Amino acid sequence: MIKMSCIEFLCMDVLQMMLQLLFFRFMISRQQNCQHVEQIQGVRMSIVIIFGSS
């Protein structure tokens, strides 16, 4: 139970950080299009892999 709540807390923290990062990258990508979109997708995939393995 304690482990689950810790993981959930971590997930919420990571989600907030990711939202801020995505918003920041989105604002940049309006100036420098495709590269940042690819980077965001790569980050998303790696996060899915990390949370899937744990």
C-alpha atoms as a PDB file:
ATOM      1  CA  MET A   1       0.000   0.000   0.000  1.00  0.00           C
ATOM      2  CA  ILE A   2       2.744   2.455   0.957  1.00  0.00           C
ATOM      3  CA  LYS A   3       4.703   1.528  -2.177  1.00  0.00           C
ATOM      4  CA  MET A   4       1.649   2.142  -4.358  1.00  0.00           C
ATOM      5  CA  SER A   5       1.070   5.590  -2.863  1.00  0.00           C
ATOM      6  CA  CYS A   6       4.745   6.472  -3.360  1.00  0.00           C
ATOM      7  CA  ILE A   7       4.576   5.365  -6.990  1.00  0.00           C
ATOM      8  CA  GLU A   8       1.379   7.318  -7.525  1.00  0.00           C
ATOM      9  CA  PHE A   9       2.975  10.405  -5.976  1.00  0.00           C
ATOM     10  CA  LEU A  10       6.004   9.989  -8.237  1.00  0.00           C
ATOM     11  CA  CYS A  11       3.749   9.586 -11.264  1.00  0.00           C
ATOM     12  CA  MET A  12       1.887  12.789 -10.434  1.00  0.00           C
ATOM     13  CA  ASP A  13       5.163  14.661  -9.980  1.00  0.00           C
ATOM     14  CA  VAL A  14       6.541  13.308 -13.269  1.00  0.00           C
ATOM     15  CA  LEU A  15       3.286  14.138 -15.043  1.00  0.00           C
ATOM     16  CA  GLN A  16       3.446  17.743 -13.871  1.00  0.00           C
ATOM     17  CA  MET A  17       7.061  18.018 -15.016  1.00  0.00           C
ATOM     18  CA  MET A  18       6.158  16.451 -18.360  1.00  0.00           C
ATOM     19  CA  LEU A  19       3.262  18.841 -18.884  1.00  0.00           C
ATOM     20  CA  GLN A  20       5.519  21.818 -18.220  1.00  0.00           C
ATOM     21  CA  LEU A  21       8.168  20.364 -20.539  1.00  0.00           C
ATOM     22  CA  LEU A  22       5.637  19.666 -23.283  1.00  0.00           C
ATOM     23  CA  PHE A  23       4.198  23.168 -23.016  1.00  0.00           C
ATOM     24  CA  PHE A  24       7.695  24.693 -23.166  1.00  0.00           C
ATOM     25  CA  ARG A  25       8.642  22.521 -26.146  1.00  0.00           C
ATOM     26  CA  PHE A  26       5.353  23.361 -27.842  1.00  0.00           C
ATOM     27  CA  MET A  27       6.055  27.084 -27.549  1.00  0.00           C
ATOM     28  CA  ILE A  28       9.519  26.491 -29.031  1.00  0.00           C
ATOM     29  CA  SER A  29       8.211  24.199 -31.758  1.00  0.00           C
ATOM     30  CA  ARG A  30       6.074  26.999 -33.146  1.00  0.00           C
ATOM     31  CA  GLN A  31       9.417  28.493 -34.216  1.00  0.00           C
ATOM     32  CA  GLN A  32      11.418  25.291 -34.913  1.00  0.00           C
ATOM     33  CA  ASN A  33       8.870  22.739 -36.069  1.00  0.00           C
ATOM     34  CA  CYS A  34       9.555  19.062 -36.591  1.00  0.00           C
ATOM     35  CA  GLN A  35      12.660  18.306 -34.511  1.00  0.00           C
ATOM     36  CA  HIS A  36      10.992  19.077 -31.188  1.00  0.00           C
ATOM     37  CA  VAL A  37       7.900  17.042 -32.019  1.00  0.00           C
ATOM     38  CA  GLU A  38      10.101  14.028 -32.686  1.00  0.00           C
ATOM     39  CA  GLN A  39      11.967  14.618 -29.420  1.00  0.00           C
ATOM     40  CA  ILE A  40       8.683  14.819 -27.475  1.00  0.00           C
ATOM     41  CA  GLN A  41       7.472  11.554 -29.004  1.00  0.00           C
ATOM     42  CA  GLY A  42      10.784   9.909 -28.103  1.00  0.00           C
ATOM     43  CA  VAL A  43      10.494  11.138 -24.496  1.00  0.00           C
ATOM     44  CA  ARG A  44       6.926   9.854 -24.315  1.00  0.00           C
ATOM     45  CA  MET A  45       7.978   6.424 -25.560  1.00  0.00           C
ATOM     46  CA  SER A  46      10.828   6.202 -23.038  1.00  0.00           C
ATOM     47  CA  ILE A  47       8.483   7.168 -20.185  1.00  0.00           C
ATOM     48  CA  VAL A  48       5.974   4.519 -21.268  1.00  0.00           C
ATOM     49  CA  ILE A  49       8.814   1.972 -21.308  1.00  0.00           C
ATOM     50  CA  ILE A  50      10.033   3.043 -17.845  1.00  0.00           C
ATOM     51  CA  PHE A  51       6.601   2.868 -16.221  1.00  0.00           C
ATOM     52  CA  GLY A  52       5.773  -0.356 -18.101  1.00  0.00           C
ATOM     53  CA  SER A  53       8.893  -2.100 -16.820  1.00  0.00           C
ATOM     54  CA  SER A  54       8.275  -0.973 -13.218  1.00  0.00           C
END
